[in-house]
N, C-alpha and C. Protein backbone atom coordinates (compact mmCIF):
# COMPACT_ATOMS: atom_id res chain seq x y z
N GLN A 1 -54.55 -15.42 -11.94
CA GLN A 1 -53.74 -14.16 -11.91
C GLN A 1 -54.00 -13.55 -13.53
N VAL A 2 -54.16 -12.34 -13.52
CA VAL A 2 -54.05 -11.66 -14.67
C VAL A 2 -53.14 -10.52 -14.83
N ARG A 3 -52.62 -10.06 -15.79
CA ARG A 3 -51.76 -8.92 -16.30
C ARG A 3 -52.64 -7.76 -16.74
N LEU A 4 -52.43 -6.65 -16.32
CA LEU A 4 -53.33 -5.54 -16.71
C LEU A 4 -52.39 -4.40 -17.30
N VAL A 5 -52.91 -3.82 -18.49
CA VAL A 5 -52.23 -2.71 -18.97
C VAL A 5 -53.22 -1.60 -19.35
N GLU A 6 -52.92 -0.41 -18.74
CA GLU A 6 -54.04 0.78 -18.94
C GLU A 6 -53.35 1.53 -20.26
N SER A 7 -54.32 2.33 -20.88
CA SER A 7 -54.07 3.31 -21.96
C SER A 7 -55.09 4.13 -21.83
N GLY A 8 -54.70 5.30 -22.54
CA GLY A 8 -55.87 6.47 -22.84
C GLY A 8 -55.68 7.59 -22.02
N GLY A 9 -54.87 7.79 -20.99
CA GLY A 9 -54.65 8.98 -20.15
C GLY A 9 -53.93 10.18 -20.93
N GLY A 10 -53.88 11.40 -20.48
CA GLY A 10 -53.59 12.48 -21.09
C GLY A 10 -53.86 13.79 -20.40
N LEU A 11 -53.55 14.80 -21.49
CA LEU A 11 -53.99 16.23 -20.71
C LEU A 11 -55.28 16.57 -21.49
N VAL A 12 -56.16 17.06 -20.66
CA VAL A 12 -57.56 17.49 -21.13
C VAL A 12 -58.09 18.73 -20.44
N GLN A 13 -58.62 19.67 -21.18
CA GLN A 13 -59.14 20.82 -20.50
C GLN A 13 -60.44 20.39 -19.84
N PRO A 14 -60.64 21.35 -18.72
CA PRO A 14 -62.01 21.28 -18.02
C PRO A 14 -63.25 21.07 -18.85
N GLY A 15 -64.02 20.28 -18.67
CA GLY A 15 -65.24 20.02 -19.36
C GLY A 15 -65.03 18.87 -20.44
N GLY A 16 -63.91 18.41 -20.71
CA GLY A 16 -63.44 17.64 -21.68
C GLY A 16 -63.60 16.04 -21.30
N SER A 17 -63.33 15.13 -22.20
CA SER A 17 -63.61 13.67 -21.98
C SER A 17 -62.21 12.73 -22.19
N LEU A 18 -62.33 11.75 -21.59
CA LEU A 18 -61.23 10.59 -21.81
C LEU A 18 -61.70 9.40 -21.80
N THR A 19 -61.32 8.43 -22.32
CA THR A 19 -61.62 7.06 -22.36
C THR A 19 -60.48 6.40 -21.90
N LEU A 20 -60.28 5.58 -20.78
CA LEU A 20 -59.53 4.89 -20.28
C LEU A 20 -59.63 3.42 -20.86
N VAL A 21 -58.73 2.44 -21.30
CA VAL A 21 -59.03 1.23 -21.52
C VAL A 21 -57.93 0.15 -20.79
N CYS A 22 -58.43 -0.84 -20.18
CA CYS A 22 -57.69 -1.84 -19.39
C CYS A 22 -57.65 -3.18 -20.17
N ALA A 23 -56.76 -3.59 -20.62
CA ALA A 23 -56.39 -4.76 -21.49
C ALA A 23 -55.78 -5.83 -20.68
N ALA A 24 -56.52 -6.94 -20.47
CA ALA A 24 -55.95 -8.10 -19.51
C ALA A 24 -55.65 -9.16 -20.27
N SER A 25 -54.51 -9.94 -19.78
CA SER A 25 -54.13 -10.95 -20.26
C SER A 25 -53.88 -12.21 -19.27
N GLY A 26 -53.80 -13.50 -19.38
CA GLY A 26 -53.55 -14.38 -18.50
C GLY A 26 -54.94 -15.25 -18.23
N SER A 27 -54.98 -15.83 -17.20
CA SER A 27 -56.08 -16.79 -16.57
C SER A 27 -57.22 -16.30 -16.08
N GLY A 28 -58.35 -16.56 -16.22
CA GLY A 28 -59.58 -16.38 -15.50
C GLY A 28 -59.98 -14.85 -15.31
N PHE A 29 -59.91 -14.10 -16.53
CA PHE A 29 -60.66 -12.68 -16.56
C PHE A 29 -61.96 -12.74 -16.33
N GLY A 30 -62.73 -13.68 -16.71
CA GLY A 30 -64.20 -13.73 -16.52
C GLY A 30 -64.59 -14.05 -15.26
N ASN A 31 -63.73 -14.22 -14.36
CA ASN A 31 -63.98 -14.63 -12.87
C ASN A 31 -63.53 -13.47 -12.03
N TYR A 32 -63.06 -12.19 -12.60
CA TYR A 32 -62.57 -11.15 -11.76
C TYR A 32 -63.59 -9.99 -11.57
N ASP A 33 -63.79 -9.53 -10.66
CA ASP A 33 -64.19 -8.29 -10.53
C ASP A 33 -63.15 -7.08 -11.06
N MET A 34 -63.54 -6.20 -11.70
CA MET A 34 -62.47 -5.06 -12.27
C MET A 34 -63.00 -3.67 -11.72
N GLY A 35 -61.86 -3.09 -11.35
CA GLY A 35 -62.23 -1.74 -10.78
C GLY A 35 -61.18 -0.62 -11.32
N TRP A 36 -61.53 0.50 -11.35
CA TRP A 36 -60.61 1.75 -11.78
C TRP A 36 -60.47 2.38 -10.34
N PHE A 37 -59.11 2.74 -10.01
CA PHE A 37 -58.82 3.52 -8.78
C PHE A 37 -58.07 4.87 -9.19
N ARG A 38 -57.87 5.73 -8.34
CA ARG A 38 -57.21 6.81 -8.76
C ARG A 38 -56.34 7.37 -7.42
N GLN A 39 -54.98 7.86 -7.77
CA GLN A 39 -54.40 8.33 -6.78
C GLN A 39 -53.72 9.54 -6.92
N ALA A 40 -53.86 10.77 -6.20
CA ALA A 40 -53.21 12.12 -6.39
C ALA A 40 -52.03 12.17 -5.50
N PRO A 41 -51.13 13.01 -5.68
CA PRO A 41 -50.00 13.17 -4.78
C PRO A 41 -50.33 13.65 -3.52
N GLY A 42 -49.79 12.77 -2.50
CA GLY A 42 -50.26 13.05 -1.09
C GLY A 42 -51.53 12.43 -0.67
N LYS A 43 -52.25 11.81 -1.53
CA LYS A 43 -53.65 11.19 -1.19
C LYS A 43 -53.66 9.70 -1.21
N GLU A 44 -54.61 9.09 -0.43
CA GLU A 44 -54.77 7.67 -0.64
C GLU A 44 -55.31 7.13 -2.12
N ARG A 45 -55.02 5.94 -2.42
CA ARG A 45 -55.58 5.49 -3.59
C ARG A 45 -57.20 4.97 -3.22
N ASP A 46 -57.98 5.64 -4.03
CA ASP A 46 -59.49 5.28 -3.89
C ASP A 46 -60.26 4.72 -5.17
N VAL A 47 -61.32 4.07 -4.95
CA VAL A 47 -62.07 3.75 -6.06
C VAL A 47 -62.83 4.88 -6.85
N VAL A 48 -62.63 4.57 -8.14
CA VAL A 48 -63.30 5.46 -9.11
C VAL A 48 -64.74 4.87 -9.56
N ALA A 49 -64.62 3.65 -9.90
CA ALA A 49 -65.75 2.81 -10.39
C ALA A 49 -65.23 1.55 -10.43
N ALA A 50 -66.34 0.45 -10.26
CA ALA A 50 -66.09 -1.05 -10.40
C ALA A 50 -67.15 -1.64 -11.09
N VAL A 51 -66.71 -2.84 -11.78
CA VAL A 51 -67.98 -3.63 -12.38
C VAL A 51 -67.67 -5.11 -11.95
N ASN A 52 -68.70 -5.84 -11.83
CA ASN A 52 -68.46 -7.16 -11.24
C ASN A 52 -68.25 -8.13 -12.27
N TRP A 53 -67.90 -9.51 -11.80
CA TRP A 53 -67.24 -10.36 -12.85
C TRP A 53 -68.06 -10.51 -14.08
N SER A 54 -69.61 -10.40 -13.87
CA SER A 54 -70.45 -10.86 -15.27
C SER A 54 -70.77 -9.53 -15.83
N GLY A 55 -70.18 -8.21 -15.34
CA GLY A 55 -70.59 -7.26 -16.00
C GLY A 55 -72.13 -6.57 -15.81
N SER A 56 -72.74 -7.28 -14.90
CA SER A 56 -74.19 -6.87 -14.65
C SER A 56 -74.28 -5.81 -13.54
N LYS A 57 -73.24 -5.48 -12.62
CA LYS A 57 -73.42 -4.75 -11.63
C LYS A 57 -72.14 -3.81 -11.44
N THR A 58 -72.77 -2.61 -11.23
CA THR A 58 -71.64 -1.43 -11.14
C THR A 58 -71.48 -0.50 -10.08
N TYR A 59 -70.54 -0.08 -9.55
CA TYR A 59 -70.42 1.03 -8.62
C TYR A 59 -69.73 2.22 -9.16
N TYR A 60 -69.98 3.43 -8.49
CA TYR A 60 -69.48 4.60 -9.02
C TYR A 60 -69.11 5.59 -7.54
N ALA A 61 -68.10 6.27 -7.45
CA ALA A 61 -67.78 6.97 -6.42
C ALA A 61 -68.84 8.13 -6.58
N ASP A 62 -69.15 8.75 -5.40
CA ASP A 62 -70.29 9.87 -5.33
C ASP A 62 -69.81 11.10 -6.43
N TYR A 63 -68.26 11.29 -6.54
CA TYR A 63 -67.94 12.52 -6.85
C TYR A 63 -68.03 12.33 -8.55
N ASN A 64 -68.16 11.04 -9.12
CA ASN A 64 -68.26 10.87 -10.61
C ASN A 64 -69.54 10.49 -11.12
N LYS A 65 -70.35 10.00 -10.09
CA LYS A 65 -71.77 9.33 -10.58
C LYS A 65 -72.38 10.38 -11.45
N GLY A 66 -72.91 9.84 -12.58
CA GLY A 66 -73.50 10.71 -13.72
C GLY A 66 -72.53 11.31 -14.60
N ARG A 67 -71.26 11.17 -14.42
CA ARG A 67 -70.14 11.64 -15.32
C ARG A 67 -69.36 10.63 -16.13
N PHE A 68 -69.08 9.53 -15.14
CA PHE A 68 -68.24 8.34 -15.71
C PHE A 68 -69.22 7.27 -15.93
N THR A 69 -68.53 6.30 -16.86
CA THR A 69 -69.28 4.97 -17.07
C THR A 69 -68.05 3.66 -17.25
N ILE A 70 -68.30 2.93 -16.41
CA ILE A 70 -67.47 1.80 -16.48
C ILE A 70 -68.34 0.60 -17.40
N TRP A 71 -67.49 -0.30 -18.11
CA TRP A 71 -68.02 -1.33 -18.65
C TRP A 71 -66.97 -2.36 -18.93
N ARG A 72 -67.21 -3.46 -19.33
CA ARG A 72 -66.32 -4.73 -19.55
C ARG A 72 -66.73 -5.34 -20.74
N ASP A 73 -65.82 -6.11 -21.54
CA ASP A 73 -66.09 -6.81 -22.49
C ASP A 73 -65.24 -8.27 -22.35
N ASN A 74 -65.94 -9.15 -21.80
CA ASN A 74 -65.44 -10.49 -21.44
C ASN A 74 -64.74 -11.09 -22.70
N SER A 75 -65.52 -10.96 -23.73
CA SER A 75 -64.96 -11.61 -25.03
C SER A 75 -63.65 -11.21 -25.65
N ARG A 76 -63.11 -9.86 -25.13
CA ARG A 76 -62.01 -9.14 -25.53
C ARG A 76 -61.25 -9.02 -24.33
N ASN A 77 -61.66 -9.32 -23.22
CA ASN A 77 -60.77 -9.08 -22.17
C ASN A 77 -60.30 -7.55 -21.86
N THR A 78 -61.30 -6.72 -21.67
CA THR A 78 -61.03 -5.56 -21.59
C THR A 78 -62.02 -4.99 -20.48
N ALA A 79 -61.47 -3.81 -19.86
CA ALA A 79 -62.45 -2.78 -19.03
C ALA A 79 -62.11 -1.57 -19.24
N SER A 80 -63.29 -0.64 -19.26
CA SER A 80 -63.11 0.70 -19.89
C SER A 80 -63.73 1.74 -18.89
N LEU A 81 -63.20 2.87 -19.07
CA LEU A 81 -63.69 3.73 -18.25
C LEU A 81 -64.11 5.10 -19.08
N GLN A 82 -65.27 5.70 -19.22
CA GLN A 82 -65.40 6.86 -20.24
C GLN A 82 -65.70 7.80 -19.21
N MET A 83 -64.94 8.89 -19.10
CA MET A 83 -64.83 9.92 -18.15
C MET A 83 -65.43 11.34 -19.00
N ASN A 84 -66.57 11.94 -18.66
CA ASN A 84 -67.07 13.18 -19.20
C ASN A 84 -67.06 14.23 -18.10
N SER A 85 -67.30 15.57 -18.68
CA SER A 85 -67.18 16.76 -17.70
C SER A 85 -66.09 16.80 -16.92
N LEU A 86 -64.84 16.62 -17.24
CA LEU A 86 -63.51 16.36 -16.24
C LEU A 86 -63.43 17.68 -15.66
N GLU A 87 -62.99 17.52 -14.24
CA GLU A 87 -62.50 18.84 -13.47
C GLU A 87 -61.22 18.49 -13.03
N PRO A 88 -60.68 19.73 -12.75
CA PRO A 88 -59.28 19.76 -12.25
C PRO A 88 -58.98 18.73 -10.89
N GLU A 89 -59.92 18.55 -10.16
CA GLU A 89 -60.03 17.70 -9.13
C GLU A 89 -59.89 16.15 -9.51
N ASP A 90 -60.04 15.85 -10.76
CA ASP A 90 -59.99 14.65 -11.25
C ASP A 90 -58.66 14.16 -11.69
N THR A 91 -57.67 15.18 -11.58
CA THR A 91 -56.26 15.07 -11.98
C THR A 91 -55.59 14.12 -10.90
N ALA A 92 -55.20 12.86 -11.54
CA ALA A 92 -54.46 11.80 -10.53
C ALA A 92 -53.87 10.65 -11.70
N THR A 93 -53.26 9.84 -11.01
CA THR A 93 -52.92 8.72 -11.87
C THR A 93 -54.14 7.55 -11.50
N TYR A 94 -54.52 6.93 -12.65
CA TYR A 94 -55.57 6.16 -12.83
C TYR A 94 -55.13 4.71 -12.91
N TYR A 95 -55.58 3.69 -12.06
CA TYR A 95 -55.14 2.34 -12.18
C TYR A 95 -56.31 1.49 -12.33
N CYS A 96 -55.92 0.50 -13.20
CA CYS A 96 -56.87 -0.69 -13.26
C CYS A 96 -56.51 -1.87 -12.58
N ALA A 97 -57.55 -2.60 -11.68
CA ALA A 97 -57.35 -3.41 -10.84
C ALA A 97 -58.30 -4.61 -11.14
N GLY A 98 -57.91 -5.93 -10.72
CA GLY A 98 -58.65 -7.05 -10.79
C GLY A 98 -58.80 -7.80 -9.39
N ALA A 99 -59.84 -8.43 -9.13
CA ALA A 99 -60.14 -9.23 -7.76
C ALA A 99 -60.85 -10.44 -8.11
N GLN A 100 -60.17 -11.53 -7.89
CA GLN A 100 -60.48 -12.80 -8.02
C GLN A 100 -61.80 -12.92 -7.31
N THR A 101 -62.98 -13.80 -7.86
CA THR A 101 -64.00 -14.09 -7.12
C THR A 101 -64.26 -15.66 -7.09
N ALA A 102 -65.04 -15.96 -6.00
CA ALA A 102 -65.29 -17.28 -5.99
C ALA A 102 -66.39 -17.81 -7.16
N TYR A 103 -66.04 -19.04 -7.51
CA TYR A 103 -66.85 -19.61 -8.55
C TYR A 103 -68.47 -19.70 -8.33
N GLY A 104 -68.70 -19.82 -7.14
CA GLY A 104 -70.29 -19.59 -6.81
C GLY A 104 -70.65 -18.22 -6.71
N THR A 105 -70.02 -17.03 -6.97
CA THR A 105 -70.59 -15.91 -6.89
C THR A 105 -71.68 -15.41 -7.87
N THR A 106 -72.73 -14.93 -7.59
CA THR A 106 -73.95 -14.76 -8.19
C THR A 106 -73.80 -13.76 -9.49
N TRP A 107 -74.64 -13.83 -10.39
CA TRP A 107 -74.69 -12.72 -11.39
C TRP A 107 -74.55 -11.58 -11.23
N TYR A 108 -75.47 -11.09 -10.25
CA TYR A 108 -75.63 -9.77 -9.89
C TYR A 108 -75.00 -9.50 -8.62
N ALA A 109 -73.86 -10.08 -7.98
CA ALA A 109 -73.17 -9.78 -6.77
C ALA A 109 -72.65 -8.57 -7.07
N PRO A 110 -72.56 -7.37 -6.09
CA PRO A 110 -71.95 -6.18 -6.22
C PRO A 110 -70.34 -6.37 -6.51
N PRO A 111 -69.72 -5.51 -6.86
CA PRO A 111 -68.26 -5.62 -7.19
C PRO A 111 -67.77 -5.15 -6.05
N LYS A 112 -66.34 -5.69 -5.82
CA LYS A 112 -65.41 -5.17 -4.72
C LYS A 112 -65.22 -3.70 -4.91
N THR A 113 -65.08 -3.05 -4.00
CA THR A 113 -64.71 -1.46 -4.00
C THR A 113 -63.70 -0.88 -3.35
N ILE A 114 -62.98 -1.91 -2.41
CA ILE A 114 -61.91 -1.34 -1.46
C ILE A 114 -60.42 -1.87 -2.35
N ALA A 115 -59.54 -1.11 -2.20
CA ALA A 115 -58.29 -1.29 -2.91
C ALA A 115 -57.61 -2.63 -2.28
N ASN A 116 -57.61 -2.80 -1.04
CA ASN A 116 -57.07 -3.88 -0.48
C ASN A 116 -57.76 -5.37 -0.95
N GLU A 117 -58.90 -5.32 -1.52
CA GLU A 117 -59.40 -6.44 -2.03
C GLU A 117 -59.01 -6.93 -3.26
N TYR A 118 -58.28 -6.10 -4.04
CA TYR A 118 -57.74 -6.31 -5.35
C TYR A 118 -56.24 -6.71 -5.29
N ASP A 119 -56.30 -7.87 -6.16
CA ASP A 119 -54.88 -8.61 -6.29
C ASP A 119 -53.96 -8.23 -7.26
N ASP A 120 -54.58 -7.79 -8.44
CA ASP A 120 -53.72 -7.57 -9.54
C ASP A 120 -53.91 -5.96 -9.99
N TRP A 121 -52.93 -5.41 -10.36
CA TRP A 121 -52.96 -3.94 -10.86
C TRP A 121 -52.14 -3.65 -11.97
N GLY A 122 -52.52 -2.71 -12.88
CA GLY A 122 -51.73 -2.25 -13.90
C GLY A 122 -50.73 -1.28 -13.67
N GLN A 123 -49.89 -0.67 -14.40
CA GLN A 123 -49.00 0.28 -14.01
C GLN A 123 -49.50 1.58 -13.87
N GLY A 124 -50.67 2.17 -14.23
CA GLY A 124 -51.24 3.31 -14.05
C GLY A 124 -51.11 4.16 -15.37
N THR A 125 -51.95 5.17 -15.35
CA THR A 125 -51.88 6.13 -16.71
C THR A 125 -52.34 7.63 -16.03
N GLN A 126 -51.66 8.41 -16.47
CA GLN A 126 -51.88 9.77 -15.96
C GLN A 126 -52.98 10.60 -16.62
N VAL A 127 -53.91 11.23 -15.61
CA VAL A 127 -54.92 12.08 -16.24
C VAL A 127 -54.60 13.34 -15.61
N THR A 128 -54.66 14.35 -16.55
CA THR A 128 -54.11 15.83 -16.15
C THR A 128 -55.31 16.49 -16.63
N VAL A 129 -56.29 17.11 -15.83
CA VAL A 129 -57.28 18.03 -16.27
C VAL A 129 -56.88 19.62 -15.88
N SER A 130 -56.54 20.54 -16.99
CA SER A 130 -56.14 21.87 -16.74
C SER A 130 -56.34 22.54 -17.86
N SER A 131 -56.71 23.83 -17.74
CA SER A 131 -56.83 24.91 -18.80
C SER A 131 -55.50 25.54 -19.13
């Protein structure tokens, strides 16, 4: 189990950029898939991007592919999301999440992308895109 804390949210104009950082503590960070999810008022929580336990495989939602980049640093126990060309539709609360994997999971196994597959969650950080 890991404890996750997000930072980096805020108010940005359309076309601007933000970097979100998730800091993890506890046992087994290197065995976890890490994901960023977002939830706007009245809508379901859904995946933004995810990276597998080894950092060798990523996933991006269609609406942010080419604009966002996810990466992790297992030596620092962090998972980050760089967001460029932000649009008002990106306004939401963004959550960092971790999902435990089996020890036999391969280096290039795809990361989990469904919210119900994730076990540990951060408190969320607000991203507002507005002029």
